[in-house]
Protein backbone atom coordinates (compact mmCIF):
# COMPACT_ATOMS: atom_id res chain seq x y z
CA UNK A 1 0.09 0.04 0.01
CA UNK A 2 1.19 3.43 -0.95
CA UNK A 3 1.13 5.52 2.32
CA UNK A 4 -0.59 9.12 1.70
CA UNK A 5 1.69 11.96 2.48
CA UNK A 6 0.30 12.73 5.79
CA UNK A 7 1.67 10.35 8.45
CA UNK A 8 -0.69 8.04 10.26
CA UNK A 9 1.23 7.79 13.36
CA UNK A 10 0.63 6.50 16.71
CA UNK A 11 1.30 9.73 18.72
CA UNK A 12 -0.47 13.20 18.71
CA UNK A 13 2.62 15.19 18.01
CA UNK A 14 3.13 13.46 14.70
CA UNK A 15 -0.05 14.89 13.32
CA UNK A 16 -0.17 18.11 15.29
CA UNK A 17 -0.20 20.43 12.24
CA UNK A 18 -3.20 18.64 11.03
CA UNK A 19 -4.89 18.51 14.78
CA UNK A 20 -4.77 22.29 14.92
CA UNK A 21 -6.76 22.77 11.61
CA UNK A 22 -9.76 20.76 12.98
CA UNK A 23 -13.09 22.53 11.91
CA UNK A 24 -16.10 22.81 14.28
CA UNK A 25 -18.57 20.84 12.11
CA UNK A 26 -18.55 17.23 12.38
CA UNK A 27 -17.69 16.25 9.04
CA UNK A 28 -15.24 13.43 7.80
CA UNK A 29 -11.93 14.52 6.82
CA UNK A 30 -9.65 13.13 3.82
CA UNK A 31 -6.02 13.61 4.36
CA UNK A 32 -3.30 12.64 1.71
CA UNK A 33 -2.73 12.71 -2.13
CA UNK A 34 -6.30 11.84 -2.99
CA UNK A 35 -6.24 14.08 -5.94
CA UNK A 36 -8.59 16.89 -6.06
CA UNK A 37 -11.83 14.68 -5.90
CA UNK A 38 -11.36 14.06 -2.18
CA UNK A 39 -8.11 15.61 -0.82
CA UNK A 40 -9.58 19.10 -1.44
CA UNK A 41 -12.39 20.69 0.45
CA UNK A 42 -15.82 20.01 -1.21
CA UNK A 43 -17.93 22.82 -2.08
CA UNK A 44 -20.91 23.10 0.44
CA UNK A 45 -23.77 21.30 -1.49
CA UNK A 46 -27.63 21.88 -0.82
CA UNK A 47 -29.83 19.59 -3.29
CA UNK A 48 -32.31 21.42 -5.31
CA UNK A 49 -34.04 20.33 -8.46
CA UNK A 50 -31.29 21.65 -10.60
CA UNK A 51 -28.87 19.85 -8.71
CA UNK A 52 -30.46 16.71 -9.20
CA UNK A 53 -31.02 16.84 -12.68
CA UNK A 54 -29.38 14.66 -15.35
CA UNK A 55 -25.49 14.80 -15.76
CA UNK A 56 -25.28 13.17 -18.99
CA UNK A 57 -21.44 14.13 -19.49
CA UNK A 58 -20.05 12.08 -16.44
CA UNK A 59 -18.88 9.01 -18.10
CA UNK A 60 -20.67 6.77 -16.03
CA UNK A 61 -19.27 3.01 -16.32
CA UNK A 62 -21.53 0.66 -17.22
CA UNK A 63 -21.17 -1.78 -14.42
CA UNK A 64 -19.97 -1.53 -10.80
CA UNK A 65 -18.19 -4.54 -10.71
CA UNK A 66 -14.54 -2.96 -11.52
CA UNK A 67 -15.58 -0.29 -8.85
CA UNK A 68 -16.42 -2.63 -6.31
CA UNK A 69 -13.57 -5.42 -6.84
CA UNK A 70 -10.67 -3.09 -5.96
CA UNK A 71 -10.18 -1.02 -9.19
CA UNK A 72 -12.18 2.12 -7.96
CA UNK A 73 -8.74 3.78 -7.54
CA UNK A 74 -8.25 3.32 -11.14
CA UNK A 75 -11.44 5.60 -11.83
CA UNK A 76 -9.86 8.27 -9.30
CA UNK A 77 -8.45 10.36 -12.15
CA UNK A 78 -11.76 10.38 -14.39
CA UNK A 79 -13.48 11.35 -10.95
CA UNK A 80 -11.52 14.00 -10.46
CA UNK A 81 -11.35 15.38 -13.84
CA UNK A 82 -15.05 15.06 -14.54
CA UNK A 83 -17.07 15.56 -11.42
CA UNK A 84 -17.10 18.90 -9.86
CA UNK A 85 -19.05 17.95 -6.76
CA UNK A 86 -19.47 15.03 -4.40
CA UNK A 87 -22.90 14.56 -5.25
CA UNK A 88 -21.88 14.26 -8.96
CA UNK A 89 -19.01 11.97 -7.87
CA UNK A 90 -21.57 9.77 -5.89
CA UNK A 91 -23.97 9.42 -9.16
CA UNK A 92 -20.85 8.37 -11.19
CA UNK A 93 -19.79 5.84 -8.53
CA UNK A 94 -23.73 4.49 -8.55
CA UNK A 95 -23.47 4.42 -12.52
CA UNK A 96 -26.22 6.93 -12.65
CA UNK A 97 -26.81 9.98 -14.36
CA UNK A 98 -29.64 11.25 -12.16
CA UNK A 99 -31.40 10.15 -9.02
CA UNK A 100 -34.14 7.52 -9.30
CA UNK A 101 -37.01 6.90 -7.33
CA UNK A 102 -37.07 4.53 -3.93
CA UNK A 103 -39.29 2.24 -5.99
CA UNK A 104 -36.93 1.70 -8.47
CA UNK A 105 -34.25 0.40 -5.91
CA UNK A 106 -36.39 -1.40 -3.46
CA UNK A 107 -38.53 -4.24 -4.17
CA UNK A 108 -41.84 -3.73 -2.49
CA UNK A 109 -42.30 -7.71 -2.34
CA UNK A 110 -41.70 -8.96 1.26
CA UNK A 111 -40.78 -5.67 2.28
CA UNK A 112 -40.22 -5.10 6.15
CA UNK A 113 -38.24 -2.63 8.08
CA UNK A 114 -35.70 -4.29 10.74
CA UNK A 115 -33.95 -1.50 12.20
CA UNK A 116 -33.19 2.24 12.74
CA UNK A 117 -30.59 5.02 13.63
CA UNK A 118 -30.20 8.45 13.78
CA UNK A 119 -29.30 8.85 10.39
CA UNK A 120 -31.67 6.66 8.47
CA UNK A 121 -33.73 3.26 8.36
CA UNK A 122 -33.01 -0.02 7.38
CA UNK A 123 -35.45 -2.33 5.55
CA UNK A 124 -35.30 -5.97 4.38
CA UNK A 125 -36.49 -6.83 0.58
CA UNK A 126 -35.87 -10.51 0.11
CA UNK A 127 -32.12 -11.13 1.16
CA UNK A 128 -30.86 -7.76 0.51
CA UNK A 129 -31.07 -5.14 3.31
CA UNK A 130 -31.54 -1.38 2.22
CA UNK A 131 -30.24 1.23 4.37
CA UNK A 132 -31.96 4.81 3.74
CA UNK A 133 -29.95 7.70 4.32
CA UNK A 134 -31.48 11.18 3.71
CA UNK A 135 -28.97 13.52 2.23
CA UNK A 136 -28.34 17.36 1.61
CA UNK A 137 -31.69 18.29 2.46
CA UNK A 138 -32.58 21.33 4.71
CA UNK A 139 -35.22 19.38 6.89
CA UNK A 140 -33.63 18.41 10.09
CA UNK A 141 -34.27 14.37 10.55
CA UNK A 142 -34.34 13.03 14.02
CA UNK A 143 -33.28 16.35 15.19
CA UNK A 144 -29.85 16.31 13.27
CA UNK A 145 -28.83 17.73 10.02
CA UNK A 146 -28.96 15.84 7.34
CA UNK A 147 -25.46 14.10 6.08
CA UNK A 148 -23.81 16.13 2.97
CA UNK A 149 -22.81 14.56 0.07
CA UNK A 150 -19.08 14.65 0.94
CA UNK A 151 -19.85 12.71 4.29
CA UNK A 152 -21.57 9.99 2.12
CA UNK A 153 -18.90 9.84 -0.43
CA UNK A 154 -16.30 8.86 2.15
CA UNK A 155 -18.57 6.16 3.79
CA UNK A 156 -19.00 4.75 0.12
CA UNK A 157 -15.13 4.85 -0.47
CA UNK A 158 -14.76 3.05 2.72
CA UNK A 159 -17.23 0.37 2.31
CA UNK A 160 -15.57 -0.49 -1.22
CA UNK A 161 -12.02 -0.72 0.42
CA UNK A 162 -13.61 -3.21 2.95
CA UNK A 163 -15.25 -5.00 0.18
CA UNK A 164 -11.98 -5.70 -1.43
CA UNK A 165 -10.83 -7.46 1.64
CA UNK A 166 -13.44 -10.15 0.72
CA UNK A 167 -10.67 -11.36 -1.75
CA UNK A 168 -11.43 -12.87 -5.13
CA UNK A 169 -10.86 -16.76 -5.76
CA UNK A 170 -9.11 -16.14 -8.89
CA UNK A 171 -6.34 -14.28 -6.72
CA UNK A 172 -4.17 -16.79 -5.31
CA UNK A 173 -1.66 -14.45 -4.01
CA UNK A 174 -3.78 -12.47 -1.80
CA UNK A 175 -1.85 -11.19 1.35
CA UNK A 176 -4.92 -10.07 3.65
CA UNK A 177 -8.33 -11.00 2.98
CA UNK A 178 -11.32 -12.13 5.33
CA UNK A 179 -15.21 -12.15 4.98
CA UNK A 180 -16.49 -11.05 8.10
CA UNK A 181 -17.00 -7.40 6.99
CA UNK A 182 -20.69 -6.93 5.76
CA UNK A 183 -20.66 -7.07 1.95
CA UNK A 184 -21.93 -3.78 0.40
CA UNK A 185 -23.87 -5.13 -2.81
CA UNK A 186 -24.85 -1.70 -4.44
CA UNK A 187 -25.32 1.85 -4.06
CA UNK A 188 -28.08 3.90 -5.42
CA UNK A 189 -28.97 7.75 -5.62
CA UNK A 190 -32.78 8.57 -4.95
CA UNK A 191 -35.09 11.17 -4.94
CA UNK A 192 -38.71 11.47 -3.88
CA UNK A 193 -41.12 11.02 -1.07
CA UNK A 194 -41.37 7.47 0.54
CA UNK A 195 -43.72 5.43 -1.52
CA UNK A 196 -46.70 3.82 0.21
CA UNK A 197 -44.94 0.37 0.56
CA UNK A 198 -42.00 1.78 2.48
CA UNK A 199 -44.60 3.95 4.66
CA UNK A 200 -46.53 0.88 5.57
CA UNK A 201 -43.17 -1.26 6.39
CA UNK A 202 -42.47 1.83 8.61
CA UNK A 203 -45.52 2.00 10.44
CA UNK A 204 -45.97 -1.73 11.19
CA UNK A 205 -42.57 -1.52 12.85
CA UNK A 206 -43.43 1.55 14.68
CA UNK A 207 -46.37 -0.17 16.07
CA UNK A 208 -44.72 -3.20 16.96
CA UNK A 209 -41.34 -1.50 18.51
CA UNK A 210 -42.13 2.10 18.88
CA UNK A 211 -39.85 4.22 16.48
CA UNK A 212 -37.39 7.05 17.99
CA UNK A 213 -37.22 8.35 14.32
CA UNK A 214 -39.52 11.14 12.86
CA UNK A 215 -42.19 9.71 10.57
CA UNK A 216 -40.72 9.58 6.98
CA UNK A 217 -43.97 11.11 5.34
CA UNK A 218 -42.20 14.45 6.37
CA UNK A 219 -39.85 13.83 3.43
CA UNK A 220 -40.68 16.08 0.30
CA UNK A 221 -40.65 14.95 -3.28
CA UNK A 222 -37.33 16.71 -3.65
CA UNK A 223 -35.71 15.00 -0.87
CA UNK A 224 -32.62 12.93 -2.06
CA UNK A 225 -31.21 9.73 -0.25
CA UNK A 226 -28.40 7.18 -0.47
CA UNK A 227 -29.39 3.79 -0.51
CA UNK A 228 -26.73 1.09 0.59
CA UNK A 229 -27.68 -2.32 -0.59
CA UNK A 230 -26.29 -4.82 1.81
CA UNK A 231 -26.01 -8.53 2.49
CA UNK A 232 -28.34 -10.05 5.27
CA UNK A 233 -25.72 -10.69 8.09
CA UNK A 234 -28.54 -11.55 10.55
CA UNK A 235 -29.26 -10.59 13.68
CA UNK A 236 -27.52 -8.08 15.95
CA UNK A 237 -25.72 -9.05 19.07
CA UNK A 238 -28.28 -7.44 21.32
CA UNK A 239 -31.18 -9.52 20.22
CA UNK A 240 -29.24 -12.98 19.09
CA UNK A 241 -29.36 -15.75 21.37
CA UNK A 242 -26.00 -17.41 22.15
CA UNK A 243 -26.18 -21.09 23.19
CA UNK A 244 -22.96 -21.54 24.96
CA UNK A 245 -19.25 -20.60 25.59
CA UNK A 246 -18.07 -22.33 22.49
CA UNK A 247 -20.36 -19.64 20.55
CA UNK A 248 -18.89 -16.52 22.64
CA UNK A 249 -15.30 -17.95 21.78
CA UNK A 250 -16.21 -17.87 18.03
CA UNK A 251 -17.64 -14.55 17.82
CA UNK A 252 -14.68 -12.68 19.52
CA UNK A 253 -12.07 -14.65 17.50
CA UNK A 254 -13.92 -13.81 14.42
CA UNK A 255 -14.18 -10.28 15.31
CA UNK A 256 -10.42 -10.19 16.12
CA UNK A 257 -9.32 -11.72 13.10
CA UNK A 258 -11.31 -9.38 10.81
CA UNK A 259 -10.18 -6.65 12.65
CA UNK A 260 -6.53 -7.72 12.55
CA UNK A 261 -6.78 -8.37 8.72
CA UNK A 262 -7.98 -4.97 8.18
CA UNK A 263 -5.46 -3.39 10.51
CA UNK A 264 -2.46 -4.64 8.49
CA UNK A 265 -4.29 -4.25 5.00
CA UNK A 266 -5.38 -0.86 5.52
CA UNK A 267 -4.80 0.56 8.87
CA UNK A 268 -8.48 -0.05 9.68
CA UNK A 269 -9.95 1.36 13.02
CA UNK A 270 -13.97 0.52 13.65
CA UNK A 271 -14.30 3.17 16.46
CA UNK A 272 -17.93 1.90 16.99
CA UNK A 273 -18.37 -1.82 17.22
CA UNK A 274 -21.09 -2.13 19.96
CA UNK A 275 -23.29 -4.86 20.15
CA UNK A 276 -25.67 -3.28 17.60
CA UNK A 277 -22.86 -3.37 14.85
CA UNK A 278 -22.29 -6.88 15.05
CA UNK A 279 -24.70 -9.34 13.28
CA UNK A 280 -24.77 -13.05 14.01
CA UNK A 281 -26.48 -16.23 12.07
CA UNK A 282 -26.05 -19.65 12.27
CA UNK A 283 -24.59 -21.63 9.38
CA UNK A 284 -23.73 -25.06 8.78
CA UNK A 285 -20.03 -24.53 7.86
CA UNK A 286 -17.78 -25.72 10.65
CA UNK A 287 -14.91 -23.26 9.49
CA UNK A 288 -14.32 -19.85 8.08
CA UNK A 289 -11.30 -19.10 6.14
CA UNK A 290 -9.18 -15.90 6.19
CA UNK A 291 -5.67 -14.87 5.03
CA UNK A 292 -3.55 -12.49 7.04
CA UNK A 293 0.14 -11.17 5.81
CA UNK A 294 -0.12 -14.12 3.40
CA UNK A 295 -0.95 -16.99 5.94
CA UNK A 296 -4.03 -18.74 4.87
CA UNK A 297 -5.99 -19.65 8.26
CA UNK A 298 -9.24 -21.06 9.37
CA UNK A 299 -11.30 -20.41 12.24
CA UNK A 300 -13.68 -22.91 14.05
CA UNK A 301 -16.85 -21.27 13.78
CA UNK A 302 -19.09 -23.38 16.20
CA UNK A 303 -21.97 -22.57 13.40
CA UNK A 304 -21.79 -19.40 14.17
CA UNK A 305 -21.20 -16.65 11.39
CA UNK A 306 -20.29 -12.84 12.11
CA UNK A 307 -20.67 -9.93 9.96
CA UNK A 308 -19.64 -6.28 11.18
CA UNK A 309 -21.61 -3.34 10.06
CA UNK A 310 -21.65 0.36 10.06
CA UNK A 311 -18.31 2.36 9.21
CA UNK A 312 -19.75 5.79 10.11
CA UNK A 313 -17.26 6.38 12.63
CA UNK A 314 -14.35 4.24 11.15
CA UNK A 315 -10.80 5.33 10.03
CA UNK A 316 -9.22 3.63 7.24
CA UNK A 317 -6.25 4.15 4.80
CA UNK A 318 -7.54 3.47 1.40
CA UNK A 319 -3.79 3.90 -0.30
CA UNK A 320 -4.90 7.09 -1.79
CA UNK A 321 -6.51 8.96 1.54
CA UNK A 322 -6.99 8.44 5.07
CA UNK A 323 -10.84 8.65 5.70
CA UNK A 324 -11.88 9.39 9.29
CA UNK A 325 -14.54 11.23 11.36
CA UNK A 326 -13.29 14.02 13.43
CA UNK A 327 -14.87 12.97 16.59
CA UNK A 328 -13.90 15.75 18.55
CA UNK A 329 -16.65 17.82 17.07
CA UNK A 330 -19.17 15.71 18.80
CA UNK A 331 -18.37 16.11 22.49
CA UNK A 332 -21.59 14.55 23.47
CA UNK A 333 -20.24 11.19 22.12
CA UNK A 334 -17.99 11.19 25.33
CA UNK A 335 -20.69 12.37 27.91
CA UNK A 336 -22.76 9.24 28.37
CA UNK A 337 -23.34 7.50 31.68
CA UNK A 338 -20.64 6.77 33.70
CA UNK A 339 -20.07 3.30 34.16
CA UNK A 340 -21.94 2.37 30.82
CA UNK A 341 -19.53 0.16 28.76
CA UNK A 342 -20.18 1.64 25.31
CA UNK A 343 -19.85 5.25 26.96
CA UNK A 344 -16.44 4.33 28.85
CA UNK A 345 -15.21 2.92 25.47
CA UNK A 346 -15.65 6.16 23.72
CA UNK A 347 -13.98 7.69 26.59
CA UNK A 348 -11.21 5.52 26.21
CA UNK A 349 -10.85 5.99 22.67
CA UNK A 350 -10.31 9.74 23.18
CA UNK A 351 -7.75 9.09 25.81
CA UNK A 352 -5.72 6.81 23.65
CA UNK A 353 -6.04 8.95 20.33
CA UNK A 354 -5.41 12.25 22.44
CA UNK A 355 -8.03 13.28 20.06
CA UNK A 356 -5.99 13.35 16.90
CA UNK A 357 -8.38 11.31 15.03
CA UNK A 358 -7.12 11.13 11.67
CA UNK A 359 -4.07 8.94 13.37
CA UNK A 360 -3.57 5.41 13.49
CA UNK A 361 -4.32 4.10 17.09
CA UNK A 362 -5.18 0.12 16.39
CA UNK A 363 -5.37 0.21 20.44
CA UNK A 364 -9.10 1.15 19.54
CA UNK A 365 -9.74 -2.04 18.30
CA UNK A 366 -8.58 -3.58 21.24
CA UNK A 367 -10.69 -1.50 23.47
CA UNK A 368 -13.48 -2.60 21.69
CA UNK A 369 -12.64 -6.33 22.05
CA UNK A 370 -12.57 -5.48 25.69
CA UNK A 371 -16.08 -3.92 25.36
CA UNK A 372 -17.28 -7.21 23.81
CA UNK A 373 -15.78 -9.48 26.48
CA UNK A 374 -17.72 -7.18 29.06
CA UNK A 375 -21.16 -7.49 27.11
CA UNK A 376 -20.79 -11.20 27.15
CA UNK A 377 -20.37 -11.29 30.69
CA UNK A 378 -22.73 -8.97 31.88
CA UNK A 379 -25.09 -8.77 28.98
CA UNK A 380 -25.69 -11.75 27.29
CA UNK A 381 -26.97 -15.17 29.13
CA UNK A 382 -25.60 -18.53 27.76
CA UNK A 383 -24.42 -21.98 29.14
CA UNK A 384 -21.08 -21.46 30.79
CA UNK A 385 -19.11 -22.41 33.98
CA UNK A 386 -17.44 -20.69 36.56
CA UNK A 387 -14.33 -21.54 35.01
CA UNK A 388 -15.34 -19.95 31.52
CA UNK A 389 -16.26 -16.71 33.26
CA UNK A 390 -12.89 -16.74 34.63
CA UNK A 391 -11.32 -17.35 31.21
CA UNK A 392 -13.42 -14.31 29.69
CA UNK A 393 -11.96 -12.16 32.72
CA UNK A 394 -8.56 -13.04 32.05
CA UNK A 395 -8.47 -12.41 28.42
CA UNK A 396 -9.75 -8.97 29.21
CA UNK A 397 -7.19 -8.52 31.55
CA UNK A 398 -4.48 -9.85 29.26
CA UNK A 399 -6.01 -7.41 26.68
CA UNK A 400 -4.63 -4.15 28.33
CA UNK A 401 -1.00 -5.17 27.33
CA UNK A 402 -2.03 -5.76 23.79
CA UNK A 403 -1.66 -2.77 21.32
CA UNK A 404 -3.51 -3.87 18.24
CA UNK A 405 -6.15 -6.58 17.24
CA UNK A 406 -3.43 -8.57 15.40
CA UNK A 407 -1.73 -8.62 18.73
CA UNK A 408 -4.81 -9.94 20.36
CA UNK A 409 -5.27 -12.41 17.84
CA UNK A 410 -2.19 -14.55 19.14
CA UNK A 411 -3.81 -14.70 22.77
CA UNK A 412 -4.03 -18.25 24.05
CA UNK A 413 -7.68 -17.66 24.34
CA UNK A 414 -8.27 -18.13 20.25
CA UNK A 415 -5.33 -20.92 20.02
CA UNK A 416 -7.31 -23.86 19.57
CA UNK A 417 -10.02 -21.99 17.22
CA UNK A 418 -7.33 -21.00 14.95
CA UNK A 419 -5.88 -23.47 12.12
CA UNK A 420 -3.15 -22.56 10.01
CA UNK A 421 -3.25 -23.85 6.18
CA UNK A 422 -0.38 -26.61 5.52
CA UNK A 423 2.15 -24.55 3.24
């Protein structure tokens, strides 16, 4: 990987010149030599009818496969040369010349809402999960300013980089690969009000669960969205029922392996790996393969498959840019209840990074592994012995001395779950 010009060091002093230039607004930052399309400041963008009109001169590629399978960087020059705004770049990556309707993207058959967040809604259509995020509008959504195109563009590029880690069966020389990060199947830019099918699915979920979000009927015909089409990773850890200690160990080793691979491949830190961002499902496959620094490994899954989702707060080095979110602009993130494990983890991240969020601090991944151990001990009920609980507490204690997920993967807690392929 070619490292961007700005160093991604492990101390605040190494990036002090950048740390002093943070903006007050909570927006992601791009640091590095990512041409004019990403490295320079984006123009402020408000979506209007004219902004959402057709842009036939974009030279949109006929298919996304080249973009999704690792060669999106090869399109970098054309993106920089032909697109003058983040919104135009999003259209190009989505192979569109103009926004389409939500109905054109989301199949109304068997449509159900499955979750929600501050910035969007999640629906399941068939085997695909569709995450709908309103962008660039003036309407406050759930009390928050809508995401801007430039923020979403970086999340798209981060998702594509993690897609690359899924590897390719034809690539026998891959150095780092794993399939644990959720697969992003496609992206679409849409415009218009929610249709009747989406409204109905939203209201059914609201009646059963009590939505904390604003009713989507508030969106006008001019509202634009980005729709992430994702693989169905299963239920989140919060609601998933673990059966026994072996399943809890499988969960921990799969998450640790994924973070380790991504650390090495692209200096990745998730920075928000709470129990709502880990999906679980049961499958018959007894092993899961991954590659780390050229070593082909297998994990004993105990019938459990993990998927890591939501990279909104994540930090990554794509090889062309360092993408991150400046969390110092959101002080409320660090003001959660004392003793709450998730809130305490945010505060520990702040200490580790010294608020230089653009820097590389893989210790943050370890903090989230310790959080997961706490969740298993305190929040999840499954069959386990007193010795099992002691083993989990001992793991958490040993993780204090680990500086990265790669380092943590070598812990004896995981040793009998990892198999190295014969050379």
